Amino acid sequence: TNRYTDVGAGAYSYHRGRVFVATQNLTAGQEVFLSYGYCQRDGDAAQLLWQPEWTKYIAMTPDYQAATWAVVQKWQQGNQAGAVPEPLDYTDVVVDTPFELTEQAQSLLPPTWLELEQTIQAATHNAGDRLVHDLEHQLDFSELQRYLARRYSTTPRTPEWVQQHGLCIEHLIPGPSTLPHAGQGAFAQHAIGRGEMIVPVPLL
């Protein structure tokens, strides 16, 4: 290796051979996210100082925790009171919620009683009539948070919508570069015309 002429001399990469694996079953049209490592609204002051501006607009772990407890308490209140006015008002459960019900957390809450029922049922396992009386033991809180994320924090798309509005990201494939010591390179998987977009770069 010639450190003055070889383009990759002394270089290294964490990205070679990286494989992304689904952590849950994905349906056609469902949006896929990577973890950017920003999950908390509190913490070390220096750490928060360097959080990007966009992080204040997205729901984080405490927001899902607050929304989960608000959903559970509203469900219990509704079963005790009978008729519940809509859209559902969650302000009366904030005092009992151990987490702050932020604007991001409120965006995750089911607006109608029917949707609230569907949310609870999605996170329980054959509880039947016991659900009202033994909710905390029958409810899978992790599944409830996942359901809120899938149902209310993203917009599901149909395969037809994806085909009409989506952009192809299969033009390039990785492989060892033909340049000596250059590491990995990007190769055209099929013919790409002059002026055509090679690959879009998705943003959050």
C-alpha atoms as a PDB file:
ATOM      1  CA  THR A   1       0.000   0.000   0.000  1.00  0.00           C
ATOM      2  CA  ASN A   2       1.325   3.428  -0.976  1.00  0.00           C
ATOM      3  CA  ARG A   3      -0.010   6.025   1.445  1.00  0.00           C
ATOM      4  CA  TYR A   4       0.561   8.778  -1.130  1.00  0.00           C
ATOM      5  CA  THR A   5      -1.156   7.211  -4.146  1.00  0.00           C
ATOM      6  CA  ASP A   6      -3.631   4.567  -2.916  1.00  0.00           C
ATOM      7  CA  VAL A   7      -7.020   6.182  -2.324  1.00  0.00           C
ATOM      8  CA  GLY A   8      -7.988   3.936   0.565  1.00  0.00           C
ATOM      9  CA  ALA A   9      -4.713   3.937   2.479  1.00  0.00           C
ATOM     10  CA  GLY A  10      -5.407   4.193   6.198  1.00  0.00           C
ATOM     11  CA  ALA A  11      -9.171   4.295   5.690  1.00  0.00           C
ATOM     12  CA  TYR A  12     -11.689   2.102   7.482  1.00  0.00           C
ATOM     13  CA  SER A  13     -15.461   1.778   7.567  1.00  0.00           C
ATOM     14  CA  TYR A  14     -18.061   0.469   9.987  1.00  0.00           C
ATOM     15  CA  HIS A  15     -20.534  -0.095   7.171  1.00  0.00           C
ATOM     16  CA  ARG A  16     -19.024  -2.942   5.194  1.00  0.00           C
ATOM     17  CA  GLY A  17     -21.168  -6.024   5.293  1.00  0.00           C
ATOM     18  CA  ARG A  18     -23.900  -4.359   7.356  1.00  0.00           C
ATOM     19  CA  VAL A  19     -27.217  -6.220   7.217  1.00  0.00           C
ATOM     20  CA  PHE A  20     -30.559  -4.837   8.384  1.00  0.00           C
ATOM     21  CA  VAL A  21     -33.004  -7.313   9.922  1.00  0.00           C
ATOM     22  CA  ALA A  22     -36.700  -6.799  10.680  1.00  0.00           C
ATOM     23  CA  THR A  23     -37.418  -6.949  14.421  1.00  0.00           C
ATOM     24  CA  GLN A  24     -41.126  -7.668  13.830  1.00  0.00           C
ATOM     25  CA  ASN A  25     -43.451  -8.803  11.068  1.00  0.00           C
ATOM     26  CA  LEU A  26     -43.909  -6.077   8.434  1.00  0.00           C
ATOM     27  CA  THR A  27     -46.972  -5.675   6.249  1.00  0.00           C
ATOM     28  CA  ALA A  28     -46.897  -4.388   2.673  1.00  0.00           C
ATOM     29  CA  GLY A  29     -46.854  -0.584   2.695  1.00  0.00           C
ATOM     30  CA  GLN A  30     -45.682  -0.297   6.325  1.00  0.00           C
ATOM     31  CA  GLU A  31     -43.026   2.340   6.957  1.00  0.00           C
ATOM     32  CA  VAL A  32     -39.624   1.111   8.103  1.00  0.00           C
ATOM     33  CA  PHE A  33     -37.475   3.075  10.542  1.00  0.00           C
ATOM     34  CA  LEU A  34     -33.905   2.902  11.764  1.00  0.00           C
ATOM     35  CA  SER A  35     -33.024   3.812  15.331  1.00  0.00           C
ATOM     36  CA  TYR A  36     -31.243   7.163  15.383  1.00  0.00           C
ATOM     37  CA  GLY A  37     -30.397   6.732  19.056  1.00  0.00           C
ATOM     38  CA  TYR A  38     -32.571   9.616  20.299  1.00  0.00           C
ATOM     39  CA  CYS A  39     -35.081   8.027  22.666  1.00  0.00           C
ATOM     40  CA  GLN A  40     -35.269  10.280  25.733  1.00  0.00           C
ATOM     41  CA  ARG A  41     -36.317  13.874  26.372  1.00  0.00           C
ATOM     42  CA  ASP A  42     -34.302  14.115  29.566  1.00  0.00           C
ATOM     43  CA  GLY A  43     -30.780  13.172  30.518  1.00  0.00           C
ATOM     44  CA  ASP A  44     -27.337  14.681  30.664  1.00  0.00           C
ATOM     45  CA  ALA A  45     -27.413  18.400  29.773  1.00  0.00           C
ATOM     46  CA  ALA A  46     -24.459  18.087  27.412  1.00  0.00           C
ATOM     47  CA  GLN A  47     -26.160  15.163  25.691  1.00  0.00           C
ATOM     48  CA  LEU A  48     -29.406  17.093  25.217  1.00  0.00           C
ATOM     49  CA  LEU A  49     -27.477  20.102  23.894  1.00  0.00           C
ATOM     50  CA  TRP A  50     -26.359  18.095  20.880  1.00  0.00           C
ATOM     51  CA  GLN A  51     -29.726  16.578  20.052  1.00  0.00           C
ATOM     52  CA  PRO A  52     -30.888  17.670  16.572  1.00  0.00           C
ATOM     53  CA  GLU A  53     -33.718  20.195  16.328  1.00  0.00           C
ATOM     54  CA  TRP A  54     -36.063  17.660  14.733  1.00  0.00           C
ATOM     55  CA  THR A  55     -36.044  15.419  17.817  1.00  0.00           C
ATOM     56  CA  LYS A  56     -38.534  17.677  19.611  1.00  0.00           C
ATOM     57  CA  TYR A  57     -41.179  16.904  16.971  1.00  0.00           C
ATOM     58  CA  ILE A  58     -41.157  13.103  17.268  1.00  0.00           C
ATOM     59  CA  ALA A  59     -42.598  10.807  19.922  1.00  0.00           C
ATOM     60  CA  MET A  60     -39.963   9.241  22.164  1.00  0.00           C
ATOM     61  CA  THR A  61     -39.981   6.523  24.806  1.00  0.00           C
ATOM     62  CA  PRO A  62     -41.528   8.683  27.599  1.00  0.00           C
ATOM     63  CA  ASP A  63     -44.290   9.786  25.195  1.00  0.00           C
ATOM     64  CA  TYR A  64     -45.241   6.175  24.447  1.00  0.00           C
ATOM     65  CA  GLN A  65     -45.176   5.371  28.160  1.00  0.00           C
ATOM     66  CA  ALA A  66     -47.439   8.333  28.948  1.00  0.00           C
ATOM     67  CA  ALA A  67     -49.828   7.455  26.115  1.00  0.00           C
ATOM     68  CA  THR A  68     -49.967   3.835  27.261  1.00  0.00           C
ATOM     69  CA  TRP A  69     -50.961   4.739  30.803  1.00  0.00           C
ATOM     70  CA  ALA A  70     -53.465   7.336  29.575  1.00  0.00           C
ATOM     71  CA  VAL A  71     -55.113   4.712  27.339  1.00  0.00           C
ATOM     72  CA  VAL A  72     -55.334   2.193  30.192  1.00  0.00           C
ATOM     73  CA  GLN A  73     -56.799   4.712  32.638  1.00  0.00           C
ATOM     74  CA  LYS A  74     -59.307   6.069  30.122  1.00  0.00           C
ATOM     75  CA  TRP A  75     -60.414   2.487  29.394  1.00  0.00           C
ATOM     76  CA  GLN A  76     -60.948   1.801  33.079  1.00  0.00           C
ATOM     77  CA  GLN A  77     -62.809   5.094  33.565  1.00  0.00           C
ATOM     78  CA  GLY A  78     -65.075   4.399  30.603  1.00  0.00           C
ATOM     79  CA  ASN A  79     -66.029   0.954  31.827  1.00  0.00           C
ATOM     80  CA  GLN A  80     -66.958   2.388  35.219  1.00  0.00           C
ATOM     81  CA  ALA A  81     -68.862   5.404  33.890  1.00  0.00           C
ATOM     82  CA  GLY A  82     -70.730   3.781  30.994  1.00  0.00           C
ATOM     83  CA  ALA A  83     -71.330   6.309  28.184  1.00  0.00           C
ATOM     84  CA  VAL A  84     -68.222   8.303  27.235  1.00  0.00           C
ATOM     85  CA  PRO A  85     -68.437  11.568  25.239  1.00  0.00           C
ATOM     86  CA  GLU A  86     -66.375  11.820  22.067  1.00  0.00           C
ATOM     87  CA  PRO A  87     -63.826  12.848  21.046  1.00  0.00           C
ATOM     88  CA  LEU A  88     -62.253  11.332  24.135  1.00  0.00           C
ATOM     89  CA  ASP A  89     -60.892  13.812  26.667  1.00  0.00           C
ATOM     90  CA  TYR A  90     -57.677  12.601  28.282  1.00  0.00           C
ATOM     91  CA  THR A  91     -57.050  15.678  30.433  1.00  0.00           C
ATOM     92  CA  ASP A  92     -58.663  14.023  33.459  1.00  0.00           C
ATOM     93  CA  VAL A  93     -56.097  11.188  33.456  1.00  0.00           C
ATOM     94  CA  VAL A  94     -53.017  13.425  33.348  1.00  0.00           C
ATOM     95  CA  VAL A  95     -52.862  13.830  37.144  1.00  0.00           C
ATOM     96  CA  ASP A  96     -52.701  10.064  37.664  1.00  0.00           C
ATOM     97  CA  THR A  97     -50.223   9.495  34.854  1.00  0.00           C
ATOM     98  CA  PRO A  98     -46.623   9.064  36.093  1.00  0.00           C
ATOM     99  CA  PHE A  99     -45.336  10.482  32.793  1.00  0.00           C
ATOM    100  CA  GLU A 100     -45.897  13.902  31.250  1.00  0.00           C
ATOM    101  CA  LEU A 101     -48.608  13.881  28.612  1.00  0.00           C
ATOM    102  CA  THR A 102     -46.745  15.953  26.035  1.00  0.00           C
ATOM    103  CA  GLU A 103     -48.082  17.099  22.679  1.00  0.00           C
ATOM    104  CA  GLN A 104     -46.292  14.154  21.074  1.00  0.00           C
ATOM    105  CA  ALA A 105     -47.882  11.745  23.562  1.00  0.00           C
ATOM    106  CA  GLN A 106     -51.344  13.195  22.898  1.00  0.00           C
ATOM    107  CA  SER A 107     -50.900  12.568  19.174  1.00  0.00           C
ATOM    108  CA  LEU A 108     -50.744   8.833  19.940  1.00  0.00           C
ATOM    109  CA  LEU A 109     -54.087   8.645  21.772  1.00  0.00           C
ATOM    110  CA  PRO A 110     -57.186   7.014  20.205  1.00  0.00           C
ATOM    111  CA  PRO A 111     -59.852   9.728  19.628  1.00  0.00           C
ATOM    112  CA  THR A 112     -62.941   7.497  19.868  1.00  0.00           C
ATOM    113  CA  TRP A 113     -64.159   4.801  22.249  1.00  0.00           C
ATOM    114  CA  LEU A 114     -64.252   2.227  19.438  1.00  0.00           C
ATOM    115  CA  GLU A 115     -60.614   2.914  18.562  1.00  0.00           C
ATOM    116  CA  LEU A 116     -59.712   2.777  22.241  1.00  0.00           C
ATOM    117  CA  GLU A 117     -61.347  -0.651  22.514  1.00  0.00           C
ATOM    118  CA  GLN A 118     -59.477  -1.845  19.427  1.00  0.00           C
ATOM    119  CA  THR A 119     -56.224  -0.577  20.912  1.00  0.00           C
ATOM    120  CA  ILE A 120     -56.764  -2.406  24.202  1.00  0.00           C
ATOM    121  CA  GLN A 121     -57.856  -5.614  22.483  1.00  0.00           C
ATOM    122  CA  ALA A 122     -54.784  -5.533  20.223  1.00  0.00           C
ATOM    123  CA  ALA A 123     -52.538  -5.648  23.292  1.00  0.00           C
ATOM    124  CA  THR A 124     -54.346  -8.409  25.206  1.00  0.00           C
ATOM    125  CA  HIS A 125     -54.313 -12.140  24.809  1.00  0.00           C
ATOM    126  CA  ASN A 126     -57.678 -13.908  25.098  1.00  0.00           C
ATOM    127  CA  ALA A 127     -58.618 -11.951  28.207  1.00  0.00           C
ATOM    128  CA  GLY A 128     -62.352 -11.971  27.535  1.00  0.00           C
ATOM    129  CA  ASP A 129     -64.509 -10.606  30.399  1.00  0.00           C
ATOM    130  CA  ARG A 130     -61.507 -10.600  32.737  1.00  0.00           C
ATOM    131  CA  LEU A 131     -60.040  -7.621  30.858  1.00  0.00           C
ATOM    132  CA  VAL A 132     -61.958  -5.002  32.830  1.00  0.00           C
ATOM    133  CA  HIS A 133     -61.217  -6.557  36.232  1.00  0.00           C
ATOM    134  CA  ASP A 134     -57.621  -7.656  35.748  1.00  0.00           C
ATOM    135  CA  LEU A 135     -56.353  -5.314  33.042  1.00  0.00           C
ATOM    136  CA  GLU A 136     -52.791  -4.827  34.255  1.00  0.00           C
ATOM    137  CA  HIS A 137     -52.143  -8.593  34.339  1.00  0.00           C
ATOM    138  CA  GLN A 138     -53.788  -9.261  30.975  1.00  0.00           C
ATOM    139  CA  LEU A 139     -52.268  -6.362  29.055  1.00  0.00           C
ATOM    140  CA  ASP A 140     -49.005  -6.550  27.137  1.00  0.00           C
ATOM    141  CA  PHE A 141     -47.725  -2.992  27.608  1.00  0.00           C
ATOM    142  CA  SER A 142     -44.926  -3.404  25.057  1.00  0.00           C
ATOM    143  CA  GLU A 143     -47.421  -4.571  22.449  1.00  0.00           C
ATOM    144  CA  LEU A 144     -49.700  -1.655  23.327  1.00  0.00           C
ATOM    145  CA  GLN A 145     -46.878   0.804  22.661  1.00  0.00           C
ATOM    146  CA  ARG A 146     -46.085  -0.915  19.355  1.00  0.00           C
ATOM    147  CA  TYR A 147     -49.751  -0.752  18.358  1.00  0.00           C
ATOM    148  CA  LEU A 148     -49.917   2.977  19.142  1.00  0.00           C
ATOM    149  CA  ALA A 149     -46.788   3.511  17.045  1.00  0.00           C
ATOM    150  CA  ARG A 150     -48.168   1.579  14.081  1.00  0.00           C
ATOM    151  CA  ARG A 151     -51.711   2.947  14.326  1.00  0.00           C
ATOM    152  CA  TYR A 152     -51.256   6.611  15.190  1.00  0.00           C
ATOM    153  CA  SER A 153     -47.651   7.767  14.647  1.00  0.00           C
ATOM    154  CA  THR A 154     -47.320   6.608  11.037  1.00  0.00           C
ATOM    155  CA  THR A 155     -49.594   6.581   8.012  1.00  0.00           C
ATOM    156  CA  PRO A 156     -49.952   3.057   6.549  1.00  0.00           C
ATOM    157  CA  ARG A 157     -49.631   2.993   2.759  1.00  0.00           C
ATOM    158  CA  THR A 158     -51.091   0.471   0.369  1.00  0.00           C
ATOM    159  CA  PRO A 159     -48.802  -1.365  -2.078  1.00  0.00           C
ATOM    160  CA  GLU A 160     -50.582   0.541  -4.865  1.00  0.00           C
ATOM    161  CA  TRP A 161     -49.703   3.882  -3.225  1.00  0.00           C
ATOM    162  CA  VAL A 162     -46.076   2.811  -2.879  1.00  0.00           C
ATOM    163  CA  GLN A 163     -45.913   1.800  -6.543  1.00  0.00           C
ATOM    164  CA  GLN A 164     -47.395   5.135  -7.644  1.00  0.00           C
ATOM    165  CA  HIS A 165     -45.492   7.493  -5.338  1.00  0.00           C
ATOM    166  CA  GLY A 166     -42.433   5.530  -4.239  1.00  0.00           C
ATOM    167  CA  LEU A 167     -38.907   5.847  -5.605  1.00  0.00           C
ATOM    168  CA  CYS A 168     -36.772   2.904  -6.639  1.00  0.00           C
ATOM    169  CA  ILE A 169     -33.683   2.371  -4.498  1.00  0.00           C
ATOM    170  CA  GLU A 170     -32.510  -0.761  -6.303  1.00  0.00           C
ATOM    171  CA  HIS A 171     -30.423   0.942  -8.987  1.00  0.00           C
ATOM    172  CA  LEU A 172     -27.212   0.374  -7.014  1.00  0.00           C
ATOM    173  CA  ILE A 173     -25.648  -2.666  -5.403  1.00  0.00           C
ATOM    174  CA  PRO A 174     -22.515  -2.694  -3.223  1.00  0.00           C
ATOM    175  CA  GLY A 175     -19.362  -4.609  -4.037  1.00  0.00           C
ATOM    176  CA  PRO A 176     -15.579  -4.434  -3.776  1.00  0.00           C
ATOM    177  CA  SER A 177     -14.346  -1.387  -5.683  1.00  0.00           C
ATOM    178  CA  THR A 178     -12.355  -1.858  -8.861  1.00  0.00           C
ATOM    179  CA  LEU A 179      -9.964   0.832  -7.570  1.00  0.00           C
ATOM    180  CA  PRO A 180      -7.060  -0.609  -5.600  1.00  0.00           C
ATOM    181  CA  HIS A 181      -7.487  -0.209  -1.825  1.00  0.00           C
ATOM    182  CA  ALA A 182     -10.718   1.782  -2.258  1.00  0.00           C
ATOM    183  CA  GLY A 183     -12.813  -0.666  -0.221  1.00  0.00           C
ATOM    184  CA  GLN A 184     -16.475  -0.952  -1.136  1.00  0.00           C
ATOM    185  CA  GLY A 185     -17.925   0.601  -4.278  1.00  0.00           C
ATOM    186  CA  ALA A 186     -21.409   1.170  -5.713  1.00  0.00           C
ATOM    187  CA  PHE A 187     -22.339  -0.541  -8.985  1.00  0.00           C
ATOM    188  CA  ALA A 188     -25.280  -0.024 -11.350  1.00  0.00           C
ATOM    189  CA  GLN A 189     -27.561  -3.053 -11.118  1.00  0.00           C
ATOM    190  CA  HIS A 190     -29.105  -2.271 -14.506  1.00  0.00           C
ATOM    191  CA  ALA A 191     -28.891   0.377 -17.218  1.00  0.00           C
ATOM    192  CA  ILE A 192     -29.425   3.958 -15.980  1.00  0.00           C
ATOM    193  CA  GLY A 193     -30.030   6.646 -18.575  1.00  0.00           C
ATOM    194  CA  ARG A 194     -28.264   9.989 -18.594  1.00  0.00           C
ATOM    195  CA  GLY A 195     -30.218  12.465 -16.431  1.00  0.00           C
ATOM    196  CA  GLU A 196     -32.058   9.737 -14.514  1.00  0.00           C
ATOM    197  CA  MET A 197     -32.033   9.707 -10.738  1.00  0.00           C
ATOM    198  CA  ILE A 198     -29.529   7.122  -9.570  1.00  0.00           C
ATOM    199  CA  VAL A 199     -30.838   6.713  -6.041  1.00  0.00           C
ATOM    200  CA  PRO A 200     -32.909   8.887  -3.677  1.00  0.00           C
ATOM    201  CA  VAL A 201     -31.582   9.666  -0.222  1.00  0.00           C
ATOM    202  CA  PRO A 202     -34.429   9.359   2.322  1.00  0.00           C
ATOM    203  CA  LEU A 203     -34.588  11.809   5.227  1.00  0.00           C
ATOM    204  CA  LEU A 204     -36.433  11.513   8.532  1.00  0.00           C
END
